[in-house]
Protein backbone atom coordinates (compact mmCIF):
# COMPACT_ATOMS: atom_id res chain seq x y z
CA UNK A 1 118.21 92.22 43.10
CA UNK A 2 120.60 91.06 45.76
CA UNK A 3 121.17 94.68 46.23
CA UNK A 4 117.20 95.17 46.80
CA UNK A 5 116.80 92.27 49.05
CA UNK A 6 119.63 93.45 50.97
CA UNK A 7 118.55 96.70 51.54
CA UNK A 8 114.96 95.51 52.62
CA UNK A 9 116.56 93.17 55.03
CA UNK A 10 118.54 96.23 56.43
CA UNK A 11 115.54 98.23 56.95
CA UNK A 12 113.61 95.33 58.53
CA UNK A 13 116.35 94.84 60.89
CA UNK A 14 116.38 98.78 61.55
CA UNK A 15 112.67 98.63 62.18
CA UNK A 16 112.96 95.73 64.48
CA UNK A 17 115.66 97.57 66.57
CA UNK A 18 113.62 100.66 66.84
CA UNK A 19 110.76 98.84 67.79
CA UNK A 20 112.80 96.86 70.53
CA UNK A 21 114.45 100.07 71.85
CA UNK A 22 110.84 101.69 72.06
CA UNK A 23 109.54 98.56 73.97
CA UNK A 24 112.48 98.72 76.25
CA UNK A 25 111.77 102.51 76.87
CA UNK A 26 108.26 101.65 77.73
CA UNK A 27 109.23 99.03 80.24
CA UNK A 28 111.75 101.16 81.79
CA UNK A 29 109.39 104.03 82.35
CA UNK A 30 106.59 101.60 83.80
CA UNK A 31 109.30 100.34 86.27
CA UNK A 32 109.89 103.74 87.33
CA UNK A 33 106.38 104.95 87.85
CA UNK A 34 104.31 101.95 88.36
CA UNK A 35 101.48 100.20 86.87
CA UNK A 36 99.36 103.52 86.11
CA UNK A 37 102.05 104.80 83.43
CA UNK A 38 100.51 107.00 80.74
CA UNK A 39 102.34 107.56 77.61
CA UNK A 40 100.14 110.34 76.70
CA UNK A 41 100.50 112.88 79.60
CA UNK A 42 97.22 114.96 78.32
CA UNK A 43 95.04 111.64 79.33
CA UNK A 44 95.60 110.90 82.81
CA UNK A 45 93.82 107.63 84.08
CA UNK A 46 93.77 105.02 86.43
CA UNK A 47 92.39 101.37 86.61
CA UNK A 48 91.34 99.87 89.79
CA UNK A 49 91.05 96.32 88.52
CA UNK A 50 94.99 96.18 88.08
CA UNK A 51 95.38 98.35 91.16
CA UNK A 52 96.84 101.83 91.11
CA UNK A 53 99.67 100.53 93.32
CA UNK A 54 99.44 96.63 93.34
CA UNK A 55 100.62 95.60 96.77
CA UNK A 56 99.12 98.09 99.17
CA UNK A 57 96.48 97.75 101.79
CA UNK A 58 95.13 100.04 104.19
CA UNK A 59 96.24 102.95 102.16
CA UNK A 60 96.86 106.55 103.41
CA UNK A 61 97.92 109.38 101.51
CA UNK A 62 99.71 112.54 102.91
CA UNK A 63 99.68 115.70 100.80
CA UNK A 64 102.62 117.87 101.76
CA UNK A 65 105.23 120.26 99.83
CA UNK A 66 103.74 119.92 96.44
CA UNK A 67 103.88 115.91 96.59
CA UNK A 68 101.74 112.89 97.80
CA UNK A 69 103.18 110.16 100.04
CA UNK A 70 101.61 106.95 100.32
CA UNK A 71 101.81 104.59 103.33
CA UNK A 72 99.61 101.58 104.37
CA UNK A 73 100.16 97.74 104.76
CA UNK A 74 102.97 96.26 102.42
CA UNK A 75 102.21 92.90 100.96
CA UNK A 76 104.04 89.56 101.44
CA UNK A 77 106.87 89.32 103.99
CA UNK A 78 107.58 92.91 103.82
CA UNK A 79 104.43 93.43 106.34
CA UNK A 80 107.08 92.30 109.08
CA UNK A 81 109.92 94.72 108.13
CA UNK A 82 108.34 98.27 108.56
CA UNK A 83 106.51 100.63 106.07
CA UNK A 84 107.50 101.77 102.58
CA UNK A 85 106.46 105.02 101.24
CA UNK A 86 105.67 106.05 97.74
CA UNK A 87 105.60 109.35 96.17
CA UNK A 88 103.29 111.00 93.32
CA UNK A 89 102.38 114.37 91.99
CA UNK A 90 99.04 113.25 90.43
CA UNK A 91 97.65 110.26 92.64
CA UNK A 92 97.91 108.05 89.64
CA UNK A 93 101.55 107.62 88.65
CA UNK A 94 103.54 106.67 91.71
CA UNK A 95 107.20 106.04 92.32
CA UNK A 96 109.17 102.99 93.34
CA UNK A 97 109.46 102.72 97.32
CA UNK A 98 111.17 106.00 98.18
CA UNK A 99 111.93 105.72 102.00
CA UNK A 100 115.30 106.37 103.28
CA UNK A 101 115.93 102.72 104.39
CA UNK A 102 116.59 99.83 102.44
CA UNK A 103 113.59 98.72 100.26
CA UNK A 104 112.26 102.19 100.21
CA UNK A 105 111.07 101.76 103.65
CA UNK A 106 110.26 105.17 105.96
CA UNK A 107 110.33 103.21 109.06
CA UNK A 108 112.54 100.19 109.52
CA UNK A 109 111.49 97.57 112.39
CA UNK A 110 114.78 98.38 114.26
CA UNK A 111 113.58 101.91 115.05
CA UNK A 112 110.21 100.51 116.62
CA UNK A 113 108.96 98.64 119.42
CA UNK A 114 107.63 95.26 118.06
CA UNK A 115 109.07 92.82 115.37
CA UNK A 116 106.12 91.92 113.12
CA UNK A 117 102.92 92.80 111.75
CA UNK A 118 103.40 96.32 110.86
CA UNK A 119 99.90 97.52 109.46
CA UNK A 120 98.19 100.67 108.33
CA UNK A 121 100.72 103.38 108.56
CA UNK A 122 99.10 107.04 108.69
CA UNK A 123 101.50 110.10 108.55
CA UNK A 124 100.39 113.49 109.83
CA UNK A 125 102.53 116.80 109.86
CA UNK A 126 102.58 119.54 112.25
CA UNK A 127 105.25 122.37 112.63
CA UNK A 128 107.95 120.43 110.43
CA UNK A 129 107.41 117.02 112.23
CA UNK A 130 105.84 113.99 110.79
CA UNK A 131 103.95 111.70 113.13
CA UNK A 132 103.32 108.12 111.98
CA UNK A 133 100.63 106.15 113.53
CA UNK A 134 100.44 102.47 112.92
CA UNK A 135 99.85 99.12 114.39
CA UNK A 136 102.45 96.52 115.26
CA UNK A 137 101.85 93.23 116.71
CA UNK A 138 98.44 94.27 117.42
CA UNK A 139 99.24 97.30 119.43
CA UNK A 140 99.03 100.97 118.73
CA UNK A 141 102.51 102.88 118.12
CA UNK A 142 103.74 106.30 117.06
CA UNK A 143 106.93 107.32 115.65
CA UNK A 144 108.26 110.79 114.30
CA UNK A 145 110.55 112.04 111.48
CA UNK A 146 111.61 115.29 110.11
CA UNK A 147 110.80 114.02 106.58
CA UNK A 148 107.78 112.26 105.17
CA UNK A 149 110.59 109.80 103.73
CA UNK A 150 111.69 108.97 107.11
CA UNK A 151 113.53 107.98 109.07
CA UNK A 152 110.54 107.52 111.52
CA UNK A 153 111.78 106.59 114.85
CA UNK A 154 110.37 105.93 118.08
CA UNK A 155 112.42 107.78 120.87
CA UNK A 156 111.02 105.48 123.58
CA UNK A 157 110.24 102.06 122.07
CA UNK A 158 107.03 101.11 123.59
CA UNK A 159 103.27 100.93 122.37
CA UNK A 160 100.73 103.65 123.13
CA UNK A 161 99.47 101.37 125.78
CA UNK A 162 99.60 97.63 126.76
CA UNK A 163 96.06 96.72 125.51
CA UNK A 164 95.77 95.02 122.21
CA UNK A 165 94.41 97.38 119.35
CA UNK A 166 94.78 98.26 115.62
CA UNK A 167 94.11 100.84 113.00
CA UNK A 168 94.82 104.08 114.60
CA UNK A 169 93.64 107.24 112.94
CA UNK A 170 94.22 110.78 113.80
CA UNK A 171 91.60 113.54 113.52
CA UNK A 172 92.48 117.33 114.42
CA UNK A 173 89.62 119.47 114.89
CA UNK A 174 89.22 123.27 113.89
CA UNK A 175 90.29 124.09 117.34
CA UNK A 176 93.50 122.13 117.15
CA UNK A 177 92.49 119.47 119.45
CA UNK A 178 93.30 115.93 118.29
CA UNK A 179 91.60 112.58 118.61
CA UNK A 180 92.77 109.12 118.04
CA UNK A 181 90.14 106.82 116.60
CA UNK A 182 91.21 102.95 116.74
CA UNK A 183 89.87 99.57 117.02
CA UNK A 184 89.74 97.41 120.31
CA UNK A 185 88.77 93.73 120.83
CA UNK A 186 87.68 94.12 124.38
CA UNK A 187 83.88 93.08 123.49
CA UNK A 188 85.03 90.03 121.42
CA UNK A 189 84.50 92.04 118.38
CA UNK A 190 86.13 94.71 116.40
CA UNK A 191 84.80 97.99 117.58
CA UNK A 192 85.90 101.51 116.95
CA UNK A 193 86.99 103.91 119.87
CA UNK A 194 88.04 107.35 120.21
CA UNK A 195 90.18 109.03 122.66
CA UNK A 196 91.36 112.76 122.93
CA UNK A 197 95.20 112.99 122.43
CA UNK A 198 97.39 115.45 124.71
CA UNK A 199 99.13 118.20 122.94
CA UNK A 200 102.24 116.24 122.22
CA UNK A 201 100.24 113.81 119.88
CA UNK A 202 101.84 111.13 121.32
CA UNK A 203 99.81 110.80 124.54
CA UNK A 204 96.14 109.61 124.77
CA UNK A 205 93.83 111.40 127.61
CA UNK A 206 92.72 107.71 128.71
CA UNK A 207 89.72 109.31 130.81
CA UNK A 208 88.19 110.58 127.46
CA UNK A 209 87.89 107.00 125.82
CA UNK A 210 84.52 106.35 124.12
CA UNK A 211 82.88 103.50 122.06
CA UNK A 212 81.87 104.81 118.82
CA UNK A 213 81.00 102.11 116.33
CA UNK A 214 80.09 98.43 116.70
CA UNK A 215 78.09 95.86 114.77
CA UNK A 216 74.38 96.82 114.50
CA UNK A 217 73.59 96.93 110.73
CA UNK A 218 73.00 93.51 108.93
CA UNK A 219 75.62 94.24 106.07
CA UNK A 220 78.35 94.83 108.55
CA UNK A 221 78.68 91.09 109.74
CA UNK A 222 77.25 89.57 106.35
CA UNK A 223 79.61 86.64 105.66
CA UNK A 224 78.47 83.56 107.46
CA UNK A 225 82.16 82.22 107.50
CA UNK A 226 83.32 84.83 109.74
CA UNK A 227 79.99 85.89 111.76
CA UNK A 228 81.17 84.75 115.28
CA UNK A 229 83.58 87.76 115.50
CA UNK A 230 81.77 90.97 114.24
CA UNK A 231 84.09 93.39 112.76
CA UNK A 232 83.88 97.24 112.13
CA UNK A 233 87.41 98.76 111.54
CA UNK A 234 89.50 100.83 109.46
CA UNK A 235 88.05 104.32 110.69
CA UNK A 236 88.50 107.94 108.79
CA UNK A 237 87.21 111.01 109.87
CA UNK A 238 85.95 114.18 108.11
CA UNK A 239 84.10 117.17 109.09
CA UNK A 240 81.62 118.80 106.60
CA UNK A 241 79.65 121.80 107.57
CA UNK A 242 80.03 121.26 111.26
CA UNK A 243 79.01 117.62 111.01
CA UNK A 244 81.46 114.78 112.01
CA UNK A 245 81.53 111.88 109.24
CA UNK A 246 83.28 108.43 110.58
CA UNK A 247 83.78 106.19 108.03
CA UNK A 248 84.62 102.60 108.82
CA UNK A 249 84.73 99.29 106.95
CA UNK A 250 82.36 96.20 108.14
CA UNK A 251 83.17 92.29 107.77
CA UNK A 252 86.27 90.35 108.04
CA UNK A 253 89.19 91.64 105.82
CA UNK A 254 89.25 88.34 104.15
CA UNK A 255 85.57 88.28 103.04
CA UNK A 256 84.73 89.51 99.65
CA UNK A 257 81.87 91.52 101.50
CA UNK A 258 84.26 93.95 102.97
CA UNK A 259 82.56 97.19 102.51
CA UNK A 260 82.54 100.89 103.80
CA UNK A 261 79.86 102.69 105.56
CA UNK A 262 79.72 105.91 107.89
CA UNK A 263 78.05 107.52 110.73
CA UNK A 264 77.47 111.11 111.76
CA UNK A 265 77.69 113.17 114.99
CA UNK A 266 77.79 116.71 116.32
CA UNK A 267 80.83 115.79 118.35
CA UNK A 268 84.08 113.97 117.81
CA UNK A 269 83.14 111.58 120.71
CA UNK A 270 79.40 111.01 119.13
CA UNK A 271 76.86 109.55 119.77
CA UNK A 272 77.21 108.40 116.39
CA UNK A 273 74.05 107.81 114.07
CA UNK A 274 74.63 105.34 111.07
CA UNK A 275 73.51 106.28 107.62
CA UNK A 276 70.57 104.67 106.36
CA UNK A 277 72.22 104.12 103.02
CA UNK A 278 75.39 102.11 104.10
CA UNK A 279 77.25 100.64 102.58
CA UNK A 280 78.41 103.14 100.39
CA UNK A 281 81.17 101.21 98.87
CA UNK A 282 81.10 97.53 98.17
CA UNK A 283 82.19 94.62 95.74
CA UNK A 284 81.42 94.70 92.28
CA UNK A 285 81.56 91.70 89.78
CA UNK A 286 85.28 92.53 89.04
CA UNK A 287 86.41 93.96 92.46
CA UNK A 288 86.21 92.17 95.82
CA UNK A 289 87.01 93.25 99.62
CA UNK A 290 86.92 96.93 98.95
CA UNK A 291 87.63 98.63 102.39
CA UNK A 292 89.52 100.64 104.78
CA UNK A 293 89.29 103.74 103.29
CA UNK A 294 90.96 107.38 103.97
CA UNK A 295 90.64 110.72 101.88
CA UNK A 296 92.87 113.10 100.02
CA UNK A 297 92.27 115.92 97.93
CA UNK A 298 92.97 115.61 94.27
CA UNK A 299 95.19 118.46 92.38
CA UNK A 300 91.91 119.98 91.15
CA UNK A 301 90.54 119.87 94.87
CA UNK A 302 88.07 117.20 94.22
CA UNK A 303 87.62 114.97 97.29
CA UNK A 304 89.13 111.27 96.66
CA UNK A 305 88.54 108.19 98.61
CA UNK A 306 91.36 105.75 98.84
CA UNK A 307 90.90 102.17 99.53
CA UNK A 308 92.04 98.85 98.95
CA UNK A 309 90.45 95.46 97.11
CA UNK A 310 91.42 91.97 97.21
CA UNK A 311 94.03 90.87 94.70
CA UNK A 312 91.35 89.17 92.30
CA UNK A 313 88.17 87.38 92.42
CA UNK A 314 89.67 84.25 94.15
CA UNK A 315 92.57 85.54 96.31
CA UNK A 316 92.55 88.09 98.86
CA UNK A 317 96.18 89.18 99.04
CA UNK A 318 98.24 90.97 98.39
CA UNK A 319 95.63 93.45 98.54
CA UNK A 320 95.78 96.43 95.89
CA UNK A 321 95.17 100.22 96.15
CA UNK A 322 92.18 101.87 94.63
CA UNK A 323 90.99 105.50 94.47
CA UNK A 324 87.66 106.98 93.42
CA UNK A 325 86.16 110.42 93.23
CA UNK A 326 83.43 111.30 95.94
CA UNK A 327 81.42 114.37 96.98
CA UNK A 328 78.76 115.48 99.44
CA UNK A 329 75.27 115.86 98.20
CA UNK A 330 72.17 117.34 99.73
CA UNK A 331 70.08 114.94 101.72
CA UNK A 332 66.43 114.77 100.39
CA UNK A 333 65.64 115.03 104.30
CA UNK A 334 66.44 118.39 105.05
CA UNK A 335 66.70 117.50 108.63
CA UNK A 336 69.77 115.08 108.10
CA UNK A 337 73.13 115.92 107.29
CA UNK A 338 74.44 115.70 103.65
CA UNK A 339 75.36 112.43 102.09
CA UNK A 340 78.86 111.34 100.99
CA UNK A 341 78.46 109.65 97.63
CA UNK A 342 81.09 107.67 96.02
CA UNK A 343 81.54 107.65 92.36
CA UNK A 344 82.35 103.96 92.32
CA UNK A 345 84.04 101.21 93.08
CA UNK A 346 85.03 101.59 89.50
CA UNK A 347 86.69 98.65 87.98
CA UNK A 348 87.77 100.04 84.64
CA UNK A 349 89.89 102.74 83.08
CA UNK A 350 88.83 106.03 84.69
CA UNK A 351 90.01 109.22 83.11
CA UNK A 352 90.53 111.86 85.62
CA UNK A 353 90.04 115.60 85.14
CA UNK A 354 93.22 116.83 86.86
CA UNK A 355 96.95 117.34 86.12
CA UNK A 356 99.76 117.24 88.52
CA UNK A 357 100.09 119.20 91.61
CA UNK A 358 101.96 122.47 91.00
CA UNK A 359 105.70 122.15 92.13
CA UNK A 360 106.97 123.97 95.08
């Protein structure tokens, strides 16, 4: 009898040990790849309600060399230290910060003009050089690196120009010409402008500056709390069937009504015609403050909108990264451009139809 009890106790302890070890393995893996860990690799999914990456605003994803690299605006005090970078092969499971500097940063503030307020990094590659466009102290800046992990460095530590501006975004057209879209405050509002860049991708042709987007539709300034200073910001540009689509976000970033719309044009300079169906991405019952989008192709080549949302229903920050699938569909009015439809914002578990990028 005693032997039987002793044996059962041993087995119980062994079962408990195995369970504890398995739990530790789960926790370790989750710490390594982030909150979107999948224990069954055949079913890849994400959940925007918890955040694909929990502390990442103004997200931008670069695809190069068989991997994805995520940049944006870091949460908490890290926003004054530079920019972290995260790595993935499937857009769902992300590494811990992986940059060459301490804390996983790709850009350290010691290598840049300015000392605080590092916002909205976007990185572009050309001929083996990586260009980081970003905001620091409400000024535009550009740094370069030989690797997407950094170190990104400003050879000359200075802003693009002395005027205050935020949210730089680079669009490169089919002919190789590059255009920088950004937000200016010169009209006592956040308005989106464009300027053509010189061949070096570092210097704007200031004579080409044009105003593109400003507050004209009611949804763009829908929160009375912030109505005195209209906001259109966070631009991203796509070209589809010869038409330029300029995506932007309306309302103050602290507002739950932060939302995405777009306008179209036949030229990178405009004039821009806003979509009648704006906004195309806005808050849900479980997700607030959805905006500042960019785009990337999934491993199966589907178009993905990348954006951020508020931390929860009552607290804006730190904001969290979200993703959703989208596609261009024919406009019922054949005289107008195709419509960009977003399959979201989703705020529950979403199984995706792709696997990882093929390695290189």
